[in-house]
mmCIF file of all heavy atoms, coordinates in Angstrom:
data_MODEL
# 
_entry.id   MODEL 
# 
loop_
_atom_site.group_PDB 
_atom_site.id 
_atom_site.type_symbol 
_atom_site.label_atom_id 
_atom_site.label_alt_id 
_atom_site.label_comp_id 
_atom_site.label_asym_id 
_atom_site.label_entity_id 
_atom_site.label_seq_id 
_atom_site.pdbx_PDB_ins_code 
_atom_site.Cartn_x 
_atom_site.Cartn_y 
_atom_site.Cartn_z 
_atom_site.occupancy 
_atom_site.B_iso_or_equiv 
_atom_site.pdbx_formal_charge 
_atom_site.auth_seq_id 
_atom_site.auth_comp_id 
_atom_site.auth_asym_id 
_atom_site.auth_atom_id 
_atom_site.pdbx_PDB_model_num 
ATOM 1   N N   . GLY A 1 1  ? 6.739  12.939  -2.634  1.00 0.00 ? 1  GLY A N   1 
ATOM 2   C CA  . GLY A 1 1  ? 7.372  13.099  -1.327  1.00 0.00 ? 1  GLY A CA  1 
ATOM 3   C C   . GLY A 1 1  ? 6.436  13.633  -0.275  1.00 0.00 ? 1  GLY A C   1 
ATOM 4   O O   . GLY A 1 1  ? 6.863  14.281  0.687   1.00 0.00 ? 1  GLY A O   1 
ATOM 5   N N   . ALA A 1 2  ? 5.153  13.371  -0.443  1.00 0.00 ? 2  ALA A N   1 
ATOM 6   C CA  . ALA A 1 2  ? 4.150  13.909  0.476   1.00 0.00 ? 2  ALA A CA  1 
ATOM 7   C C   . ALA A 1 2  ? 3.515  12.781  1.278   1.00 0.00 ? 2  ALA A C   1 
ATOM 8   O O   . ALA A 1 2  ? 3.476  11.625  0.843   1.00 0.00 ? 2  ALA A O   1 
ATOM 9   C CB  . ALA A 1 2  ? 3.076  14.665  -0.304  1.00 0.00 ? 2  ALA A CB  1 
ATOM 10  N N   . SER A 1 3  ? 3.001  13.129  2.433   1.00 0.00 ? 3  SER A N   1 
ATOM 11  C CA  . SER A 1 3  ? 2.207  12.186  3.224   1.00 0.00 ? 3  SER A CA  1 
ATOM 12  C C   . SER A 1 3  ? 0.743  12.375  2.859   1.00 0.00 ? 3  SER A C   1 
ATOM 13  O O   . SER A 1 3  ? 0.331  13.454  2.434   1.00 0.00 ? 3  SER A O   1 
ATOM 14  C CB  . SER A 1 3  ? 2.420  12.414  4.714   1.00 0.00 ? 3  SER A CB  1 
ATOM 15  O OG  . SER A 1 3  ? 2.044  13.734  5.067   1.00 0.00 ? 3  SER A OG  1 
ATOM 16  N N   . SER A 1 4  ? -0.041 11.332  3.041   1.00 0.00 ? 4  SER A N   1 
ATOM 17  C CA  . SER A 1 4  ? -1.454 11.410  2.695   1.00 0.00 ? 4  SER A CA  1 
ATOM 18  C C   . SER A 1 4  ? -2.185 10.248  3.357   1.00 0.00 ? 4  SER A C   1 
ATOM 19  O O   . SER A 1 4  ? -1.559 9.254   3.764   1.00 0.00 ? 4  SER A O   1 
ATOM 20  C CB  . SER A 1 4  ? -1.650 11.344  1.173   1.00 0.00 ? 4  SER A CB  1 
ATOM 21  O OG  . SER A 1 4  ? -1.406 10.025  0.709   1.00 0.00 ? 4  SER A OG  1 
ATOM 22  N N   . PRO A 1 5  ? -3.499 10.355  3.494   1.00 0.00 ? 5  PRO A N   1 
ATOM 23  C CA  . PRO A 1 5  ? -4.264 9.225   4.035   1.00 0.00 ? 5  PRO A CA  1 
ATOM 24  C C   . PRO A 1 5  ? -4.065 7.954   3.211   1.00 0.00 ? 5  PRO A C   1 
ATOM 25  O O   . PRO A 1 5  ? -4.089 6.854   3.761   1.00 0.00 ? 5  PRO A O   1 
ATOM 26  C CB  . PRO A 1 5  ? -5.713 9.720   3.960   1.00 0.00 ? 5  PRO A CB  1 
ATOM 27  C CG  . PRO A 1 5  ? -5.610 11.204  4.011   1.00 0.00 ? 5  PRO A CG  1 
ATOM 28  C CD  . PRO A 1 5  ? -4.351 11.540  3.277   1.00 0.00 ? 5  PRO A CD  1 
ATOM 29  N N   . ALA A 1 6  ? -3.875 8.100   1.898   1.00 0.00 ? 6  ALA A N   1 
ATOM 30  C CA  . ALA A 1 6  ? -3.674 6.915   1.056   1.00 0.00 ? 6  ALA A CA  1 
ATOM 31  C C   . ALA A 1 6  ? -2.362 6.216   1.413   1.00 0.00 ? 6  ALA A C   1 
ATOM 32  O O   . ALA A 1 6  ? -2.296 4.981   1.458   1.00 0.00 ? 6  ALA A O   1 
ATOM 33  C CB  . ALA A 1 6  ? -3.684 7.314   -0.417  1.00 0.00 ? 6  ALA A CB  1 
ATOM 34  N N   . VAL A 1 7  ? -1.300 6.994   1.680   1.00 0.00 ? 7  VAL A N   1 
ATOM 35  C CA  . VAL A 1 7  ? -0.020 6.393   2.081   1.00 0.00 ? 7  VAL A CA  1 
ATOM 36  C C   . VAL A 1 7  ? -0.175 5.687   3.425   1.00 0.00 ? 7  VAL A C   1 
ATOM 37  O O   . VAL A 1 7  ? 0.339  4.577   3.625   1.00 0.00 ? 7  VAL A O   1 
ATOM 38  C CB  . VAL A 1 7  ? 1.080  7.463   2.153   1.00 0.00 ? 7  VAL A CB  1 
ATOM 39  C CG1 . VAL A 1 7  ? 2.370  6.865   2.716   1.00 0.00 ? 7  VAL A CG1 1 
ATOM 40  C CG2 . VAL A 1 7  ? 1.330  8.055   0.771   1.00 0.00 ? 7  VAL A CG2 1 
ATOM 41  N N   . ASP A 1 8  ? -0.894 6.320   4.353   1.00 0.00 ? 8  ASP A N   1 
ATOM 42  C CA  . ASP A 1 8  ? -1.142 5.679   5.653   1.00 0.00 ? 8  ASP A CA  1 
ATOM 43  C C   . ASP A 1 8  ? -1.905 4.373   5.473   1.00 0.00 ? 8  ASP A C   1 
ATOM 44  O O   . ASP A 1 8  ? -1.632 3.386   6.168   1.00 0.00 ? 8  ASP A O   1 
ATOM 45  C CB  . ASP A 1 8  ? -1.938 6.624   6.557   1.00 0.00 ? 8  ASP A CB  1 
ATOM 46  C CG  . ASP A 1 8  ? -1.154 7.883   6.912   1.00 0.00 ? 8  ASP A CG  1 
ATOM 47  O OD1 . ASP A 1 8  ? 0.093  7.856   6.804   1.00 0.00 ? 8  ASP A OD1 1 
ATOM 48  O OD2 . ASP A 1 8  ? -1.798 8.889   7.271   1.00 0.00 ? 8  ASP A OD2 1 
ATOM 49  N N   . ARG A 1 9  ? -2.856 4.373   4.526   1.00 0.00 ? 9  ARG A N   1 
ATOM 50  C CA  . ARG A 1 9  ? -3.629 3.152   4.278   1.00 0.00 ? 9  ARG A CA  1 
ATOM 51  C C   . ARG A 1 9  ? -2.733 2.052   3.716   1.00 0.00 ? 9  ARG A C   1 
ATOM 52  O O   . ARG A 1 9  ? -2.864 0.874   4.083   1.00 0.00 ? 9  ARG A O   1 
ATOM 53  C CB  . ARG A 1 9  ? -4.778 3.452   3.314   1.00 0.00 ? 9  ARG A CB  1 
ATOM 54  C CG  . ARG A 1 9  ? -5.594 2.231   2.922   1.00 0.00 ? 9  ARG A CG  1 
ATOM 55  C CD  . ARG A 1 9  ? -6.300 1.609   4.133   1.00 0.00 ? 9  ARG A CD  1 
ATOM 56  N NE  . ARG A 1 9  ? -6.972 0.370   3.772   1.00 0.00 ? 9  ARG A NE  1 
ATOM 57  C CZ  . ARG A 1 9  ? -8.178 0.305   3.222   1.00 0.00 ? 9  ARG A CZ  1 
ATOM 58  N NH1 . ARG A 1 9  ? -8.850 1.421   2.961   1.00 0.00 ? 9  ARG A NH1 1 
ATOM 59  N NH2 . ARG A 1 9  ? -8.722 -0.847  2.937   1.00 0.00 ? 9  ARG A NH2 1 
ATOM 60  N N   . ILE A 1 10 ? -1.807 2.405   2.835   1.00 0.00 ? 10 ILE A N   1 
ATOM 61  C CA  . ILE A 1 10 ? -0.897 1.414   2.269   1.00 0.00 ? 10 ILE A CA  1 
ATOM 62  C C   . ILE A 1 10 ? -0.014 0.820   3.361   1.00 0.00 ? 10 ILE A C   1 
ATOM 63  O O   . ILE A 1 10 ? 0.274  -0.392  3.367   1.00 0.00 ? 10 ILE A O   1 
ATOM 64  C CB  . ILE A 1 10 ? -0.042 2.046   1.150   1.00 0.00 ? 10 ILE A CB  1 
ATOM 65  C CG1 . ILE A 1 10 ? -0.922 2.444   -0.030  1.00 0.00 ? 10 ILE A CG1 1 
ATOM 66  C CG2 . ILE A 1 10 ? 1.044  1.081   0.694   1.00 0.00 ? 10 ILE A CG2 1 
ATOM 67  C CD1 . ILE A 1 10 ? -1.691 1.309   -0.649  1.00 0.00 ? 10 ILE A CD1 1 
ATOM 68  N N   . ALA A 1 11 ? 0.425  1.650   4.310   1.00 0.00 ? 11 ALA A N   1 
ATOM 69  C CA  . ALA A 1 11 ? 1.228  1.146   5.422   1.00 0.00 ? 11 ALA A CA  1 
ATOM 70  C C   . ALA A 1 11 ? 0.441  0.128   6.241   1.00 0.00 ? 11 ALA A C   1 
ATOM 71  O O   . ALA A 1 11 ? 0.967  -0.928  6.628   1.00 0.00 ? 11 ALA A O   1 
ATOM 72  C CB  . ALA A 1 11 ? 1.686  2.304   6.303   1.00 0.00 ? 11 ALA A CB  1 
ATOM 73  N N   . ILE A 1 12 ? -0.834 0.417   6.475   1.00 0.00 ? 12 ILE A N   1 
ATOM 74  C CA  . ILE A 1 12 ? -1.683 -0.524  7.210   1.00 0.00 ? 12 ILE A CA  1 
ATOM 75  C C   . ILE A 1 12 ? -1.878 -1.807  6.408   1.00 0.00 ? 12 ILE A C   1 
ATOM 76  O O   . ILE A 1 12 ? -1.833 -2.916  6.952   1.00 0.00 ? 12 ILE A O   1 
ATOM 77  C CB  . ILE A 1 12 ? -3.043 0.134   7.529   1.00 0.00 ? 12 ILE A CB  1 
ATOM 78  C CG1 . ILE A 1 12 ? -2.848 1.311   8.482   1.00 0.00 ? 12 ILE A CG1 1 
ATOM 79  C CG2 . ILE A 1 12 ? -4.010 -0.882  8.115   1.00 0.00 ? 12 ILE A CG2 1 
ATOM 80  C CD1 . ILE A 1 12 ? -4.104 2.128   8.726   1.00 0.00 ? 12 ILE A CD1 1 
ATOM 81  N N   . GLU A 1 13 ? -2.095 -1.643  5.105   1.00 0.00 ? 13 GLU A N   1 
ATOM 82  C CA  . GLU A 1 13 ? -2.275 -2.813  4.247   1.00 0.00 ? 13 GLU A CA  1 
ATOM 83  C C   . GLU A 1 13 ? -1.036 -3.704  4.245   1.00 0.00 ? 13 GLU A C   1 
ATOM 84  O O   . GLU A 1 13 ? -1.133 -4.926  4.233   1.00 0.00 ? 13 GLU A O   1 
ATOM 85  C CB  . GLU A 1 13 ? -2.589 -2.360  2.816   1.00 0.00 ? 13 GLU A CB  1 
ATOM 86  C CG  . GLU A 1 13 ? -3.991 -1.842  2.622   1.00 0.00 ? 13 GLU A CG  1 
ATOM 87  C CD  . GLU A 1 13 ? -5.026 -2.954  2.654   1.00 0.00 ? 13 GLU A CD  1 
ATOM 88  O OE1 . GLU A 1 13 ? -4.752 -4.043  2.109   1.00 0.00 ? 13 GLU A OE1 1 
ATOM 89  O OE2 . GLU A 1 13 ? -6.095 -2.732  3.231   1.00 0.00 ? 13 GLU A OE2 1 
ATOM 90  N N   . LEU A 1 14 ? 0.142  -3.096  4.246   1.00 0.00 ? 14 LEU A N   1 
ATOM 91  C CA  . LEU A 1 14 ? 1.374  -3.887  4.269   1.00 0.00 ? 14 LEU A CA  1 
ATOM 92  C C   . LEU A 1 14 ? 1.444  -4.747  5.525   1.00 0.00 ? 14 LEU A C   1 
ATOM 93  O O   . LEU A 1 14 ? 1.959  -5.872  5.485   1.00 0.00 ? 14 LEU A O   1 
ATOM 94  C CB  . LEU A 1 14 ? 2.589  -2.963  4.189   1.00 0.00 ? 14 LEU A CB  1 
ATOM 95  C CG  . LEU A 1 14 ? 2.875  -2.351  2.816   1.00 0.00 ? 14 LEU A CG  1 
ATOM 96  C CD1 . LEU A 1 14 ? 3.919  -1.246  2.931   1.00 0.00 ? 14 LEU A CD1 1 
ATOM 97  C CD2 . LEU A 1 14 ? 3.355  -3.433  1.837   1.00 0.00 ? 14 LEU A CD2 1 
ATOM 98  N N   . ARG A 1 15 ? 0.915  -4.251  6.628   1.00 0.00 ? 15 ARG A N   1 
ATOM 99  C CA  . ARG A 1 15 ? 0.940  -5.015  7.870   1.00 0.00 ? 15 ARG A CA  1 
ATOM 100 C C   . ARG A 1 15 ? -0.161 -6.055  7.937   1.00 0.00 ? 15 ARG A C   1 
ATOM 101 O O   . ARG A 1 15 ? 0.018  -7.110  8.542   1.00 0.00 ? 15 ARG A O   1 
ATOM 102 C CB  . ARG A 1 15 ? 0.811  -4.066  9.074   1.00 0.00 ? 15 ARG A CB  1 
ATOM 103 C CG  . ARG A 1 15 ? 1.945  -3.069  9.219   1.00 0.00 ? 15 ARG A CG  1 
ATOM 104 C CD  . ARG A 1 15 ? 1.922  -2.410  10.596  1.00 0.00 ? 15 ARG A CD  1 
ATOM 105 N NE  . ARG A 1 15 ? 0.707  -1.653  10.846  1.00 0.00 ? 15 ARG A NE  1 
ATOM 106 C CZ  . ARG A 1 15 ? 0.546  -0.371  10.564  1.00 0.00 ? 15 ARG A CZ  1 
ATOM 107 N NH1 . ARG A 1 15 ? 1.526  0.302   9.959   1.00 0.00 ? 15 ARG A NH1 1 
ATOM 108 N NH2 . ARG A 1 15 ? -0.572 0.255   10.863  1.00 0.00 ? 15 ARG A NH2 1 
ATOM 109 N N   . GLN A 1 16 ? -1.313 -5.754  7.314   1.00 0.00 ? 16 GLN A N   1 
ATOM 110 C CA  . GLN A 1 16 ? -2.475 -6.621  7.498   1.00 0.00 ? 16 GLN A CA  1 
ATOM 111 C C   . GLN A 1 16 ? -2.774 -7.502  6.291   1.00 0.00 ? 16 GLN A C   1 
ATOM 112 O O   . GLN A 1 16 ? -3.226 -8.643  6.469   1.00 0.00 ? 16 GLN A O   1 
ATOM 113 C CB  . GLN A 1 16 ? -3.705 -5.767  7.828   1.00 0.00 ? 16 GLN A CB  1 
ATOM 114 C CG  . GLN A 1 16 ? -3.561 -4.998  9.132   1.00 0.00 ? 16 GLN A CG  1 
ATOM 115 C CD  . GLN A 1 16 ? -4.795 -4.167  9.433   1.00 0.00 ? 16 GLN A CD  1 
ATOM 116 O OE1 . GLN A 1 16 ? -5.712 -4.054  8.618   1.00 0.00 ? 16 GLN A OE1 1 
ATOM 117 N NE2 . GLN A 1 16 ? -4.831 -3.573  10.622  1.00 0.00 ? 16 GLN A NE2 1 
ATOM 118 N N   . HIS A 1 17 ? -2.575 -6.988  5.100   1.00 0.00 ? 17 HIS A N   1 
ATOM 119 C CA  . HIS A 1 17 ? -2.897 -7.733  3.879   1.00 0.00 ? 17 HIS A CA  1 
ATOM 120 C C   . HIS A 1 17 ? -1.744 -7.559  2.887   1.00 0.00 ? 17 HIS A C   1 
ATOM 121 O O   . HIS A 1 17 ? -1.922 -6.993  1.804   1.00 0.00 ? 17 HIS A O   1 
ATOM 122 C CB  . HIS A 1 17 ? -4.208 -7.238  3.260   1.00 0.00 ? 17 HIS A CB  1 
ATOM 123 C CG  . HIS A 1 17 ? -5.374 -7.273  4.199   1.00 0.00 ? 17 HIS A CG  1 
ATOM 124 N ND1 . HIS A 1 17 ? -6.007 -8.444  4.552   1.00 0.00 ? 17 HIS A ND1 1 
ATOM 125 C CD2 . HIS A 1 17 ? -5.998 -6.281  4.876   1.00 0.00 ? 17 HIS A CD2 1 
ATOM 126 C CE1 . HIS A 1 17 ? -6.986 -8.170  5.401   1.00 0.00 ? 17 HIS A CE1 1 
ATOM 127 N NE2 . HIS A 1 17 ? -7.007 -6.866  5.606   1.00 0.00 ? 17 HIS A NE2 1 
ATOM 128 N N   . THR A 1 18 ? -0.589 -8.053  3.275   1.00 0.00 ? 18 THR A N   1 
ATOM 129 C CA  . THR A 1 18 ? 0.629  -7.795  2.505   1.00 0.00 ? 18 THR A CA  1 
ATOM 130 C C   . THR A 1 18 ? 0.509  -8.270  1.069   1.00 0.00 ? 18 THR A C   1 
ATOM 131 O O   . THR A 1 18 ? 0.881  -7.561  0.133   1.00 0.00 ? 18 THR A O   1 
ATOM 132 C CB  . THR A 1 18 ? 1.830  -8.477  3.185   1.00 0.00 ? 18 THR A CB  1 
ATOM 133 O OG1 . THR A 1 18 ? 1.793  -8.211  4.583   1.00 0.00 ? 18 THR A OG1 1 
ATOM 134 C CG2 . THR A 1 18 ? 3.133  -7.977  2.598   1.00 0.00 ? 18 THR A CG2 1 
ATOM 135 N N   . GLY A 1 19 ? 0.025  -9.483  0.896   1.00 0.00 ? 19 GLY A N   1 
ATOM 136 C CA  . GLY A 1 19 ? -0.058 -10.032 -0.451  1.00 0.00 ? 19 GLY A CA  1 
ATOM 137 C C   . GLY A 1 19 ? -0.952 -9.225  -1.364  1.00 0.00 ? 19 GLY A C   1 
ATOM 138 O O   . GLY A 1 19 ? -0.637 -9.007  -2.534  1.00 0.00 ? 19 GLY A O   1 
ATOM 139 N N   . ARG A 1 20 ? -2.086 -8.755  -0.832  1.00 0.00 ? 20 ARG A N   1 
ATOM 140 C CA  . ARG A 1 20 ? -3.027 -7.991  -1.646  1.00 0.00 ? 20 ARG A CA  1 
ATOM 141 C C   . ARG A 1 20 ? -2.420 -6.684  -2.129  1.00 0.00 ? 20 ARG A C   1 
ATOM 142 O O   . ARG A 1 20 ? -2.456 -6.366  -3.325  1.00 0.00 ? 20 ARG A O   1 
ATOM 143 C CB  . ARG A 1 20 ? -4.303 -7.721  -0.847  1.00 0.00 ? 20 ARG A CB  1 
ATOM 144 C CG  . ARG A 1 20 ? -5.311 -6.844  -1.575  1.00 0.00 ? 20 ARG A CG  1 
ATOM 145 C CD  . ARG A 1 20 ? -6.633 -6.783  -0.844  1.00 0.00 ? 20 ARG A CD  1 
ATOM 146 N NE  . ARG A 1 20 ? -6.547 -6.040  0.405   1.00 0.00 ? 20 ARG A NE  1 
ATOM 147 C CZ  . ARG A 1 20 ? -7.577 -5.878  1.236   1.00 0.00 ? 20 ARG A CZ  1 
ATOM 148 N NH1 . ARG A 1 20 ? -8.731 -6.454  0.951   1.00 0.00 ? 20 ARG A NH1 1 
ATOM 149 N NH2 . ARG A 1 20 ? -7.441 -5.176  2.346   1.00 0.00 ? 20 ARG A NH2 1 
ATOM 150 N N   . VAL A 1 21 ? -1.856 -5.909  -1.189  1.00 0.00 ? 21 VAL A N   1 
ATOM 151 C CA  . VAL A 1 21 ? -1.316 -4.614  -1.582  1.00 0.00 ? 21 VAL A CA  1 
ATOM 152 C C   . VAL A 1 21 ? -0.061 -4.784  -2.434  1.00 0.00 ? 21 VAL A C   1 
ATOM 153 O O   . VAL A 1 21 ? 0.187  -4.006  -3.371  1.00 0.00 ? 21 VAL A O   1 
ATOM 154 C CB  . VAL A 1 21 ? -1.025 -3.742  -0.343  1.00 0.00 ? 21 VAL A CB  1 
ATOM 155 C CG1 . VAL A 1 21 ? 0.123  -4.293  0.478   1.00 0.00 ? 21 VAL A CG1 1 
ATOM 156 C CG2 . VAL A 1 21 ? -0.731 -2.306  -0.752  1.00 0.00 ? 21 VAL A CG2 1 
ATOM 157 N N   . ALA A 1 22 ? 0.736  -5.829  -2.159  1.00 0.00 ? 22 ALA A N   1 
ATOM 158 C CA  . ALA A 1 22 ? 1.940  -6.056  -2.964  1.00 0.00 ? 22 ALA A CA  1 
ATOM 159 C C   . ALA A 1 22 ? 1.563  -6.349  -4.405  1.00 0.00 ? 22 ALA A C   1 
ATOM 160 O O   . ALA A 1 22 ? 2.183  -5.826  -5.346  1.00 0.00 ? 22 ALA A O   1 
ATOM 161 C CB  . ALA A 1 22 ? 2.752  -7.210  -2.376  1.00 0.00 ? 22 ALA A CB  1 
ATOM 162 N N   . TRP A 1 23 ? 0.546  -7.170  -4.592  1.00 0.00 ? 23 TRP A N   1 
ATOM 163 C CA  . TRP A 1 23 ? 0.127  -7.527  -5.951  1.00 0.00 ? 23 TRP A CA  1 
ATOM 164 C C   . TRP A 1 23 ? -0.365 -6.295  -6.704  1.00 0.00 ? 23 TRP A C   1 
ATOM 165 O O   . TRP A 1 23 ? -0.043 -6.095  -7.876  1.00 0.00 ? 23 TRP A O   1 
ATOM 166 C CB  . TRP A 1 23 ? -0.965 -8.589  -5.866  1.00 0.00 ? 23 TRP A CB  1 
ATOM 167 C CG  . TRP A 1 23 ? -1.319 -9.193  -7.178  1.00 0.00 ? 23 TRP A CG  1 
ATOM 168 C CD1 . TRP A 1 23 ? -0.706 -10.230 -7.812  1.00 0.00 ? 23 TRP A CD1 1 
ATOM 169 C CD2 . TRP A 1 23 ? -2.379 -8.768  -8.040  1.00 0.00 ? 23 TRP A CD2 1 
ATOM 170 N NE1 . TRP A 1 23 ? -1.321 -10.487 -9.011  1.00 0.00 ? 23 TRP A NE1 1 
ATOM 171 C CE2 . TRP A 1 23 ? -2.349 -9.606  -9.171  1.00 0.00 ? 23 TRP A CE2 1 
ATOM 172 C CE3 . TRP A 1 23 ? -3.348 -7.775  -7.970  1.00 0.00 ? 23 TRP A CE3 1 
ATOM 173 C CZ2 . TRP A 1 23 ? -3.254 -9.479  -10.216 1.00 0.00 ? 23 TRP A CZ2 1 
ATOM 174 C CZ3 . TRP A 1 23 ? -4.256 -7.646  -9.010  1.00 0.00 ? 23 TRP A CZ3 1 
ATOM 175 C CH2 . TRP A 1 23 ? -4.197 -8.495  -10.108 1.00 0.00 ? 23 TRP A CH2 1 
ATOM 176 N N   . LYS A 1 24 ? -1.129 -5.444  -6.034  1.00 0.00 ? 24 LYS A N   1 
ATOM 177 C CA  . LYS A 1 24 ? -1.659 -4.250  -6.702  1.00 0.00 ? 24 LYS A CA  1 
ATOM 178 C C   . LYS A 1 24 ? -0.559 -3.242  -6.993  1.00 0.00 ? 24 LYS A C   1 
ATOM 179 O O   . LYS A 1 24 ? -0.566 -2.587  -8.047  1.00 0.00 ? 24 LYS A O   1 
ATOM 180 C CB  . LYS A 1 24 ? -2.760 -3.621  -5.848  1.00 0.00 ? 24 LYS A CB  1 
ATOM 181 C CG  . LYS A 1 24 ? -4.029 -4.461  -5.785  1.00 0.00 ? 24 LYS A CG  1 
ATOM 182 C CD  . LYS A 1 24 ? -5.212 -3.663  -5.291  1.00 0.00 ? 24 LYS A CD  1 
ATOM 183 C CE  . LYS A 1 24 ? -6.500 -4.463  -5.431  1.00 0.00 ? 24 LYS A CE  1 
ATOM 184 N NZ  . LYS A 1 24 ? -7.707 -3.684  -5.157  1.00 0.00 ? 24 LYS A NZ  1 
ATOM 185 N N   . LEU A 1 25 ? 0.379  -3.101  -6.087  1.00 0.00 ? 25 LEU A N   1 
ATOM 186 C CA  . LEU A 1 25 ? 1.477  -2.168  -6.320  1.00 0.00 ? 25 LEU A CA  1 
ATOM 187 C C   . LEU A 1 25 ? 2.338  -2.614  -7.493  1.00 0.00 ? 25 LEU A C   1 
ATOM 188 O O   . LEU A 1 25 ? 2.792  -1.791  -8.303  1.00 0.00 ? 25 LEU A O   1 
ATOM 189 C CB  . LEU A 1 25 ? 2.327  -2.034  -5.057  1.00 0.00 ? 25 LEU A CB  1 
ATOM 190 C CG  . LEU A 1 25 ? 1.702  -1.238  -3.908  1.00 0.00 ? 25 LEU A CG  1 
ATOM 191 C CD1 . LEU A 1 25 ? 2.500  -1.423  -2.629  1.00 0.00 ? 25 LEU A CD1 1 
ATOM 192 C CD2 . LEU A 1 25 ? 1.601  0.239   -4.275  1.00 0.00 ? 25 LEU A CD2 1 
ATOM 193 N N   . LYS A 1 26 ? 2.585  -3.898  -7.607  1.00 0.00 ? 26 LYS A N   1 
ATOM 194 C CA  . LYS A 1 26 ? 3.386  -4.397  -8.732  1.00 0.00 ? 26 LYS A CA  1 
ATOM 195 C C   . LYS A 1 26 ? 2.731  -4.055  -10.062 1.00 0.00 ? 26 LYS A C   1 
ATOM 196 O O   . LYS A 1 26 ? 3.407  -3.729  -11.042 1.00 0.00 ? 26 LYS A O   1 
ATOM 197 C CB  . LYS A 1 26 ? 3.564  -5.910  -8.617  1.00 0.00 ? 26 LYS A CB  1 
ATOM 198 C CG  . LYS A 1 26 ? 4.488  -6.369  -7.509  1.00 0.00 ? 26 LYS A CG  1 
ATOM 199 C CD  . LYS A 1 26 ? 4.527  -7.894  -7.475  1.00 0.00 ? 26 LYS A CD  1 
ATOM 200 C CE  . LYS A 1 26 ? 5.330  -8.409  -6.318  1.00 0.00 ? 26 LYS A CE  1 
ATOM 201 N NZ  . LYS A 1 26 ? 5.331  -9.884  -6.257  1.00 0.00 ? 26 LYS A NZ  1 
ATOM 202 N N   . ARG A 1 27 ? 1.422  -4.135  -10.103 1.00 0.00 ? 27 ARG A N   1 
ATOM 203 C CA  . ARG A 1 27 ? 0.711  -3.870  -11.352 1.00 0.00 ? 27 ARG A CA  1 
ATOM 204 C C   . ARG A 1 27 ? 0.713  -2.395  -11.714 1.00 0.00 ? 27 ARG A C   1 
ATOM 205 O O   . ARG A 1 27 ? 0.621  -2.035  -12.881 1.00 0.00 ? 27 ARG A O   1 
ATOM 206 C CB  . ARG A 1 27 ? -0.741 -4.353  -11.246 1.00 0.00 ? 27 ARG A CB  1 
ATOM 207 C CG  . ARG A 1 27 ? -0.918 -5.846  -11.256 1.00 0.00 ? 27 ARG A CG  1 
ATOM 208 C CD  . ARG A 1 27 ? -2.395 -6.231  -11.225 1.00 0.00 ? 27 ARG A CD  1 
ATOM 209 N NE  . ARG A 1 27 ? -3.119 -5.630  -12.313 1.00 0.00 ? 27 ARG A NE  1 
ATOM 210 C CZ  . ARG A 1 27 ? -4.150 -4.787  -12.155 1.00 0.00 ? 27 ARG A CZ  1 
ATOM 211 N NH1 . ARG A 1 27 ? -4.544 -4.447  -10.949 1.00 0.00 ? 27 ARG A NH1 1 
ATOM 212 N NH2 . ARG A 1 27 ? -4.771 -4.276  -13.197 1.00 0.00 ? 27 ARG A NH2 1 
ATOM 213 N N   . ARG A 1 28 ? 0.801  -1.526  -10.703 1.00 0.00 ? 28 ARG A N   1 
ATOM 214 C CA  . ARG A 1 28 ? 0.623  -0.100  -10.942 1.00 0.00 ? 28 ARG A CA  1 
ATOM 215 C C   . ARG A 1 28 ? 1.933  0.656   -11.139 1.00 0.00 ? 28 ARG A C   1 
ATOM 216 O O   . ARG A 1 28 ? 1.938  1.742   -11.708 1.00 0.00 ? 28 ARG A O   1 
ATOM 217 C CB  . ARG A 1 28 ? -0.140 0.522   -9.767  1.00 0.00 ? 28 ARG A CB  1 
ATOM 218 C CG  . ARG A 1 28 ? -1.583 0.046   -9.662  1.00 0.00 ? 28 ARG A CG  1 
ATOM 219 C CD  . ARG A 1 28 ? -2.386 0.516   -10.845 1.00 0.00 ? 28 ARG A CD  1 
ATOM 220 N NE  . ARG A 1 28 ? -3.772 0.081   -10.781 1.00 0.00 ? 28 ARG A NE  1 
ATOM 221 C CZ  . ARG A 1 28 ? -4.687 0.382   -11.695 1.00 0.00 ? 28 ARG A CZ  1 
ATOM 222 N NH1 . ARG A 1 28 ? -4.342 1.112   -12.741 1.00 0.00 ? 28 ARG A NH1 1 
ATOM 223 N NH2 . ARG A 1 28 ? -5.916 -0.055  -11.591 1.00 0.00 ? 28 ARG A NH2 1 
ATOM 224 N N   . LEU A 1 29 ? 3.039  0.135   -10.636 1.00 0.00 ? 29 LEU A N   1 
ATOM 225 C CA  . LEU A 1 29 ? 4.304  0.868   -10.697 1.00 0.00 ? 29 LEU A CA  1 
ATOM 226 C C   . LEU A 1 29 ? 5.040  0.588   -11.993 1.00 0.00 ? 29 LEU A C   1 
ATOM 227 O O   . LEU A 1 29 ? 5.228  -0.570  -12.378 1.00 0.00 ? 29 LEU A O   1 
ATOM 228 C CB  . LEU A 1 29 ? 5.183  0.494   -9.504  1.00 0.00 ? 29 LEU A CB  1 
ATOM 229 C CG  . LEU A 1 29 ? 4.769  1.147   -8.179  1.00 0.00 ? 29 LEU A CG  1 
ATOM 230 C CD1 . LEU A 1 29 ? 5.440  0.448   -7.024  1.00 0.00 ? 29 LEU A CD1 1 
ATOM 231 C CD2 . LEU A 1 29 ? 5.107  2.628   -8.184  1.00 0.00 ? 29 LEU A CD2 1 
# 
């Protein structure tokens, strides 16, 4: 439940490289 530079980066990735971050998140969760 914390904010972090990594969370901010994921938000940017969702806007700019959605497919890339989505694929990596699926593998990690």
